[in-house]
Each structure stands twice: as C-alpha cells, then as structure tokens.
PDB file of N, CA and C in Angstrom:
ATOM      1  N   MET A   1      76.318  91.538  82.274  1.00  0.00           N
ATOM      2  CA  MET A   1      77.047  91.445  83.233  1.00  0.00           C
ATOM      3  C   MET A   1      76.626  92.118  84.424  1.00  0.00           C
ATOM      4  N   THR A   2      76.167  91.866  85.447  1.00  0.00           N
ATOM      5  CA  THR A   2      75.647  92.941  86.703  1.00  0.00           C
ATOM      6  C   THR A   2      76.455  93.013  87.550  1.00  0.00           C
ATOM      7  N   LYS A   3      76.342  94.242  88.090  1.00  0.00           N
ATOM      8  CA  LYS A   3      77.307  94.405  89.196  1.00  0.00           C
ATOM      9  C   LYS A   3      77.174  93.741  90.410  1.00  0.00           C
ATOM     10  N   ASN A   4      78.009  93.135  91.009  1.00  0.00           N
ATOM     11  CA  ASN A   4      78.044  92.472  92.078  1.00  0.00           C
ATOM     12  C   ASN A   4      79.048  92.760  93.237  1.00  0.00           C
ATOM     13  N   GLN A   5      79.345  94.062  93.373  1.00  0.00           N
ATOM     14  CA  GLN A   5      80.277  94.620  94.405  1.00  0.00           C
ATOM     15  C   GLN A   5      79.588  95.934  95.013  1.00  0.00           C
ATOM     16  N   ALA A   6      79.636  96.139  96.572  1.00  0.00           N
ATOM     17  CA  ALA A   6      79.291  97.019  97.105  1.00  0.00           C
ATOM     18  C   ALA A   6      80.200  98.338  96.757  1.00  0.00           C
ATOM     19  N   VAL A   7      79.848  99.602  97.187  1.00  0.00           N
ATOM     20  CA  VAL A   7      80.883 100.698  96.936  1.00  0.00           C
ATOM     21  C   VAL A   7      82.038 100.537  97.882  1.00  0.00           C
ATOM     22  N   TRP A   8      81.720 100.053  99.003  1.00  0.00           N
ATOM     23  CA  TRP A   8      82.886 100.030  99.993  1.00  0.00           C
ATOM     24  C   TRP A   8      83.864  98.667  99.493  1.00  0.00           C
ATOM     25  N   GLU A   9      83.311  97.997  98.646  1.00  0.00           N
ATOM     26  CA  GLU A   9      84.508  96.659  98.307  1.00  0.00           C
ATOM     27  C   GLU A   9      85.083  97.244  97.044  1.00  0.00           C
ATOM     28  N   ARG A  10      84.329  98.120  96.090  1.00  0.00           N
ATOM     29  CA  ARG A  10      85.053  98.734  94.786  1.00  0.00           C
ATOM     30  C   ARG A  10      85.982  99.730  95.676  1.00  0.00           C
ATOM     31  N   VAL A  11      85.995 100.637  96.464  1.00  0.00           N
ATOM     32  CA  VAL A  11      87.015 101.459  96.907  1.00  0.00           C
ATOM     33  C   VAL A  11      88.285 100.635  97.448  1.00  0.00           C
ATOM     34  N   LEU A  12      87.925  99.665  98.293  1.00  0.00           N
ATOM     35  CA  LEU A  12      88.901  98.748  99.062  1.00  0.00           C
ATOM     36  C   LEU A  12      89.732  97.889  97.730  1.00  0.00           C
ATOM     37  N   ARG A  13      89.192  97.727  96.813  1.00  0.00           N
ATOM     38  CA  ARG A  13      89.800  96.825  95.837  1.00  0.00           C
ATOM     39  C   ARG A  13      90.671  97.946  94.890  1.00  0.00           C
ATOM     40  N   ILE A  14      90.274  98.904  94.730  1.00  0.00           N
ATOM     41  CA  ILE A  14      91.060 100.212  93.876  1.00  0.00           C
ATOM     42  C   ILE A  14      92.240 100.614  94.524  1.00  0.00           C
ATOM     43  N   VAL A  15      91.882 100.802  95.972  1.00  0.00           N
ATOM     44  CA  VAL A  15      93.160 101.141  96.874  1.00  0.00           C
ATOM     45  C   VAL A  15      94.105 100.238  96.960  1.00  0.00           C
ATOM     46  N   MET A  16      93.754  99.060  97.136  1.00  0.00           N
ATOM     47  CA  MET A  16      94.583  97.826  97.151  1.00  0.00           C
ATOM     48  C   MET A  16      95.293  97.473  96.076  1.00  0.00           C
ATOM     49  N   GLY A  17      94.775  97.759  95.063  1.00  0.00           N
ATOM     50  CA  GLY A  17      95.262  97.538  93.627  1.00  0.00           C
ATOM     51  C   GLY A  17      96.375  98.413  93.286  1.00  0.00           C
ATOM     52  N   ILE A  18      95.959  99.839  93.571  1.00  0.00           N
ATOM     53  CA  ILE A  18      96.840 101.062  93.365  1.00  0.00           C
ATOM     54  C   ILE A  18      98.249 100.749  94.168  1.00  0.00           C
ATOM     55  N   GLY A  19      97.908 100.116  95.644  1.00  0.00           N
ATOM     56  CA  GLY A  19      99.133  99.999  96.367  1.00  0.00           C
ATOM     57  C   GLY A  19     100.102  98.841  95.952  1.00  0.00           C
ATOM     58  N   LEU A  20      99.551  97.645  95.437  1.00  0.00           N
ATOM     59  CA  LEU A  20     100.056  96.358  94.960  1.00  0.00           C
ATOM     60  C   LEU A  20     100.811  96.904  93.741  1.00  0.00           C
ATOM     61  N   ALA A  21     100.262  97.478  92.915  1.00  0.00           N
ATOM     62  CA  ALA A  21     100.865  98.035  91.695  1.00  0.00           C
ATOM     63  C   ALA A  21     102.109  98.706  91.954  1.00  0.00           C
ATOM     64  N   ALA A  22     102.104  99.643  92.629  1.00  0.00           N
ATOM     65  CA  ALA A  22     102.963 100.817  93.053  1.00  0.00           C
ATOM     66  C   ALA A  22     104.148  99.796  93.877  1.00  0.00           C
ATOM     67  N   VAL A  23     103.922  99.045  94.669  1.00  0.00           N
ATOM     68  CA  VAL A  23     105.118  98.209  95.192  1.00  0.00           C
ATOM     69  C   VAL A  23     105.512  97.410  94.121  1.00  0.00           C
ATOM     70  N   GLY A  24     104.949  96.848  93.273  1.00  0.00           N
ATOM     71  CA  GLY A  24     105.467  95.949  92.045  1.00  0.00           C
ATOM     72  C   GLY A  24     106.110  97.060  91.271  1.00  0.00           C
ATOM     73  N   TYR A  25     105.796  97.781  90.651  1.00  0.00           N
ATOM     74  CA  TYR A  25     106.504  98.740  90.036  1.00  0.00           C
ATOM     75  C   TYR A  25     107.931  99.014  90.657  1.00  0.00           C
ATOM     76  N   ILE A  26     107.667  99.777  92.005  1.00  0.00           N
ATOM     77  CA  ILE A  26     108.954 100.307  92.571  1.00  0.00           C
ATOM     78  C   ILE A  26     110.091  99.042  92.741  1.00  0.00           C
ATOM     79  N   TYR A  27     109.822  97.945  92.969  1.00  0.00           N
ATOM     80  CA  TYR A  27     110.790  96.759  93.146  1.00  0.00           C
ATOM     81  C   TYR A  27     111.034  95.937  92.095  1.00  0.00           C
ATOM     82  N   GLY A  28     110.549  96.588  90.840  1.00  0.00           N
ATOM     83  CA  GLY A  28     110.414  95.767  89.640  1.00  0.00           C
ATOM     84  C   GLY A  28     111.660  95.008  89.064  1.00  0.00           C
ATOM     85  N   ASP A  29     112.679  95.710  89.437  1.00  0.00           N
ATOM     86  CA  ASP A  29     114.131  94.957  89.002  1.00  0.00           C
ATOM     87  C   ASP A  29     114.903  94.236  90.008  1.00  0.00           C
ATOM     88  N   MET A  30     114.353  94.369  91.103  1.00  0.00           N
ATOM     89  CA  MET A  30     115.184  93.714  92.522  1.00  0.00           C
ATOM     90  C   MET A  30     114.898  92.183  92.483  1.00  0.00           C
ATOM     91  N   TYR A  31     113.414  91.879  92.269  1.00  0.00           N
ATOM     92  CA  TYR A  31     113.251  90.335  92.916  1.00  0.00           C
ATOM     93  C   TYR A  31     112.662  89.660  91.880  1.00  0.00           C
ATOM     94  N   GLY A  32     113.276  89.580  90.821  1.00  0.00           N
ATOM     95  CA  GLY A  32     112.775  88.776  89.585  1.00  0.00           C
ATOM     96  C   GLY A  32     111.250  88.865  89.110  1.00  0.00           C
ATOM     97  N   ASN A  33     110.460  87.890  89.415  1.00  0.00           N
ATOM     98  CA  ASN A  33     109.273  87.950  88.548  1.00  0.00           C
ATOM     99  C   ASN A  33     108.005  88.410  89.828  1.00  0.00           C
ATOM    100  N   ALA A  34     108.329  88.117  91.081  1.00  0.00           N
ATOM    101  CA  ALA A  34     107.429  88.684  91.841  1.00  0.00           C
ATOM    102  C   ALA A  34     106.896  89.944  91.756  1.00  0.00           C
ATOM    103  N   PRO A  35     107.760  91.003  91.699  1.00  0.00           N
ATOM    104  CA  PRO A  35     106.887  92.540  91.577  1.00  0.00           C
ATOM    105  C   PRO A  35     106.141  92.576  90.171  1.00  0.00           C
ATOM    106  N   LEU A  36     106.514  91.751  89.206  1.00  0.00           N
ATOM    107  CA  LEU A  36     105.738  91.534  87.924  1.00  0.00           C
ATOM    108  C   LEU A  36     104.015  90.945  88.464  1.00  0.00           C
ATOM    109  N   ALA A  37     104.086  89.844  88.996  1.00  0.00           N
ATOM    110  CA  ALA A  37     103.153  89.278  89.973  1.00  0.00           C
ATOM    111  C   ALA A  37     102.055  90.610  90.372  1.00  0.00           C
ATOM    112  N   LEU A  38     102.728  91.168  91.216  1.00  0.00           N
ATOM    113  CA  LEU A  38     102.221  92.179  91.983  1.00  0.00           C
ATOM    114  C   LEU A  38     101.579  93.390  91.095  1.00  0.00           C
ATOM    115  N   VAL A  39     102.001  93.571  90.080  1.00  0.00           N
ATOM    116  CA  VAL A  39     101.473  94.501  89.411  1.00  0.00           C
ATOM    117  C   VAL A  39     100.321  93.859  88.582  1.00  0.00           C
ATOM    118  N   PHE A  40     100.458  92.510  88.133  1.00  0.00           N
ATOM    119  CA  PHE A  40      99.219  91.979  87.479  1.00  0.00           C
ATOM    120  C   PHE A  40      97.989  91.961  88.478  1.00  0.00           C
ATOM    121  N   ILE A  41      98.481  91.428  89.838  1.00  0.00           N
ATOM    122  CA  ILE A  41      97.345  91.247  90.807  1.00  0.00           C
ATOM    123  C   ILE A  41      96.460  92.549  91.105  1.00  0.00           C
ATOM    124  N   GLY A  42      97.565  93.778  91.121  1.00  0.00           N
ATOM    125  CA  GLY A  42      96.989  95.135  91.628  1.00  0.00           C
ATOM    126  C   GLY A  42      96.003  95.582  90.218  1.00  0.00           C
ATOM    127  N   THR A  43      96.561  95.252  89.126  1.00  0.00           N
ATOM    128  CA  THR A  43      95.768  96.041  87.730  1.00  0.00           C
ATOM    129  C   THR A  43      94.267  95.208  87.877  1.00  0.00           C
ATOM    130  N   VAL A  44      94.272  93.891  88.280  1.00  0.00           N
ATOM    131  CA  VAL A  44      93.029  92.936  88.226  1.00  0.00           C
ATOM    132  C   VAL A  44      92.228  93.608  89.327  1.00  0.00           C
ATOM    133  N   LEU A  45      92.736  93.936  90.305  1.00  0.00           N
ATOM    134  CA  LEU A  45      91.850  94.442  91.372  1.00  0.00           C
ATOM    135  C   LEU A  45      91.425  95.991  90.863  1.00  0.00           C
ATOM    136  N   ILE A  46      92.285  96.878  90.491  1.00  0.00           N
ATOM    137  CA  ILE A  46      91.874  98.070  89.939  1.00  0.00           C
ATOM    138  C   ILE A  46      90.796  97.854  88.875  1.00  0.00           C
ATOM    139  N   VAL A  47      90.801  96.942  87.929  1.00  0.00           N
ATOM    140  CA  VAL A  47      89.691  96.600  86.837  1.00  0.00           C
ATOM    141  C   VAL A  47      88.556  96.163  87.524  1.00  0.00           C
ATOM    142  N   THR A  48      88.587  95.059  88.310  1.00  0.00           N
ATOM    143  CA  THR A  48      87.164  94.712  88.758  1.00  0.00           C
ATOM    144  C   THR A  48      86.643  95.857  89.545  1.00  0.00           C
ATOM    145  N   GLY A  49      87.481  96.615  90.323  1.00  0.00           N
ATOM    146  CA  GLY A  49      86.839  97.648  91.135  1.00  0.00           C
ATOM    147  C   GLY A  49      86.298  98.859  90.282  1.00  0.00           C
ATOM    148  N   VAL A  50      86.611  99.190  89.389  1.00  0.00           N
ATOM    149  CA  VAL A  50      86.300 100.374  88.590  1.00  0.00           C
ATOM    150  C   VAL A  50      85.013  99.594  87.708  1.00  0.00           C
ATOM    151  N   VAL A  51      84.772  98.677  87.018  1.00  0.00           N
ATOM    152  CA  VAL A  51      83.814  97.796  86.328  1.00  0.00           C
ATOM    153  C   VAL A  51      82.626  97.453  87.384  1.00  0.00           C
ATOM    154  N   ALA A  52      83.110  97.324  88.853  1.00  0.00           N
ATOM    155  CA  ALA A  52      82.138  96.619  89.823  1.00  0.00           C
ATOM    156  C   ALA A  52      81.582  95.431  89.614  1.00  0.00           C
ATOM    157  N   TYR A  53      82.526  94.683  88.864  1.00  0.00           N
ATOM    158  CA  TYR A  53      81.941  93.211  88.724  1.00  0.00           C
ATOM    159  C   TYR A  53      83.429  92.290  88.752  1.00  0.00           C
ATOM    160  N   CYS A  54      83.088  91.273  89.655  1.00  0.00           N
ATOM    161  CA  CYS A  54      84.179  90.035  89.813  1.00  0.00           C
ATOM    162  C   CYS A  54      83.722  88.717  89.414  1.00  0.00           C
ATOM    163  N   PRO A  55      84.388  88.287  88.501  1.00  0.00           N
ATOM    164  CA  PRO A  55      83.835  86.966  87.962  1.00  0.00           C
ATOM    165  C   PRO A  55      84.195  85.840  88.943  1.00  0.00           C
ATOM    166  N   VAL A  56      84.966  85.849  90.136  1.00  0.00           N
ATOM    167  CA  VAL A  56      84.973  84.727  91.035  1.00  0.00           C
ATOM    168  C   VAL A  56      83.597  84.891  91.963  1.00  0.00           C
ATOM    169  N   TRP A  57      83.260  86.031  92.343  1.00  0.00           N
ATOM    170  CA  TRP A  57      81.996  86.041  92.884  1.00  0.00           C
ATOM    171  C   TRP A  57      80.897  85.973  92.004  1.00  0.00           C
ATOM    172  N   HIS A  58      80.894  85.974  91.161  1.00  0.00           N
ATOM    173  CA  HIS A  58      79.765  85.528  90.218  1.00  0.00           C
ATOM    174  C   HIS A  58      79.707  83.826  90.071  1.00  0.00           C
ATOM    175  N   LEU A  59      80.866  83.347  89.766  1.00  0.00           N
ATOM    176  CA  LEU A  59      81.088  81.936  89.858  1.00  0.00           C
ATOM    177  C   LEU A  59      80.716  81.306  91.249  1.00  0.00           C
ATOM    178  N   LEU A  60      81.124  82.011  92.502  1.00  0.00           N
ATOM    179  CA  LEU A  60      80.586  81.368  93.800  1.00  0.00           C
ATOM    180  C   LEU A  60      79.311  81.756  94.115  1.00  0.00           C
ATOM    181  N   GLY A  61      78.473  82.626  93.316  1.00  0.00           N
ATOM    182  CA  GLY A  61      77.293  82.909  93.740  1.00  0.00           C
ATOM    183  C   GLY A  61      76.954  84.175  94.797  1.00  0.00           C
ATOM    184  N   PHE A  62      77.937  84.950  95.059  1.00  0.00           N
ATOM    185  CA  PHE A  62      78.127  85.860  95.963  1.00  0.00           C
ATOM    186  C   PHE A  62      78.221  87.121  95.617  1.00  0.00           C
ATOM    187  N   SER A  63      77.743  87.925  96.261  1.00  0.00           N
ATOM    188  CA  SER A  63      77.459  89.521  95.912  1.00  0.00           C
ATOM    189  C   SER A  63      77.263  90.261  97.505  1.00  0.00           C
ATOM    190  N   THR A  64      78.316  91.392  97.063  1.00  0.00           N
ATOM    191  CA  THR A  64      78.246  92.560  98.471  1.00  0.00           C
ATOM    192  C   THR A  64      77.134  93.228  98.202  1.00  0.00           C
ATOM    193  N   LYS A  65      76.711  93.634  96.843  1.00  0.00           N
ATOM    194  CA  LYS A  65      76.062  94.717  96.627  1.00  0.00           C
ATOM    195  C   LYS A  65      74.703  94.309  96.995  1.00  0.00           C
ATOM    196  N   ARG A  66      73.810  95.094  97.745  1.00  0.00           N
ATOM    197  CA  ARG A  66      72.626  95.124  98.447  1.00  0.00           C
ATOM    198  C   ARG A  66      71.468  95.247  97.330  1.00  0.00           C
ATOM    199  N   THR A  67      70.531  94.687  97.077  1.00  0.00           N
ATOM    200  CA  THR A  67      69.381  94.731  96.131  1.00  0.00           C
ATOM    201  C   THR A  67      68.226  95.368  96.784  1.00  0.00           C
ATOM    202  N   LYS A  68      67.677  96.300  96.128  1.00  0.00           N
ATOM    203  CA  LYS A  68      66.527  97.151  96.374  1.00  0.00           C
ATOM    204  C   LYS A  68      65.455  96.234  96.478  1.00  0.00           C
ATOM    205  N   GLN A  69      64.642  96.317  97.910  1.00  0.00           N
ATOM    206  CA  GLN A  69      63.330  95.725  97.872  1.00  0.00           C
ATOM    207  C   GLN A  69      62.301  96.566  97.794  1.00  0.00           C
ATOM    208  N   THR A  70      61.247  95.967  97.302  1.00  0.00           N
ATOM    209  CA  THR A  70      60.093  96.532  96.604  1.00  0.00           C
ATOM    210  C   THR A  70      59.077  96.490  97.593  1.00  0.00           C
ATOM    211  N   LYS A  71      58.174  97.503  97.903  1.00  0.00           N
ATOM    212  CA  LYS A  71      57.124  97.385  98.605  1.00  0.00           C
ATOM    213  C   LYS A  71      55.868  96.497  97.951  1.00  0.00           C
ATOM    214  N   PRO A  72      55.278  95.848  99.023  1.00  0.00           N
ATOM    215  CA  PRO A  72      54.267  94.927  98.398  1.00  0.00           C
ATOM    216  C   PRO A  72      53.026  95.795  97.947  1.00  0.00           C
TER     217      PRO A  72
END
C-alpha cells in the first residue's frame, strides 16, 4: 500500500473528519440515521488521512503526493 496523499490533503481530511464525526455525535439522537452516516464518513476520512492512503484515489489512478525526481 503506497501513500497517495499529500500532507495538505491528509490534514484537510483529518480536520473535516473530526468535524463531521463531532456533528454526527452531537446530533445523534435527533435526526434518525443521518448523524450515524456523518460519524461513519468522518471516521473514514480520519482513517484515510492518518494512513495517507485513499483506495478511491488508487482505483482512479490519482495521487496528490509528489514523487521525487532523480537527477540524471
């Protein structure tokens, strides 16, 4: 499993994941299953940000991480 996320994307995913999970947790009893979905999505964002790997990016062949170029 190679890393396919840049540092800025990892930070953004973790911050957004914490926000979504917190909102889902706070409103957990009020709106049925929607807050549970927010907690799930937030958790997925946090995990993918921590491990620096996104399976969807891998399937699409996309990466935000720059590769080091070697000098000739």
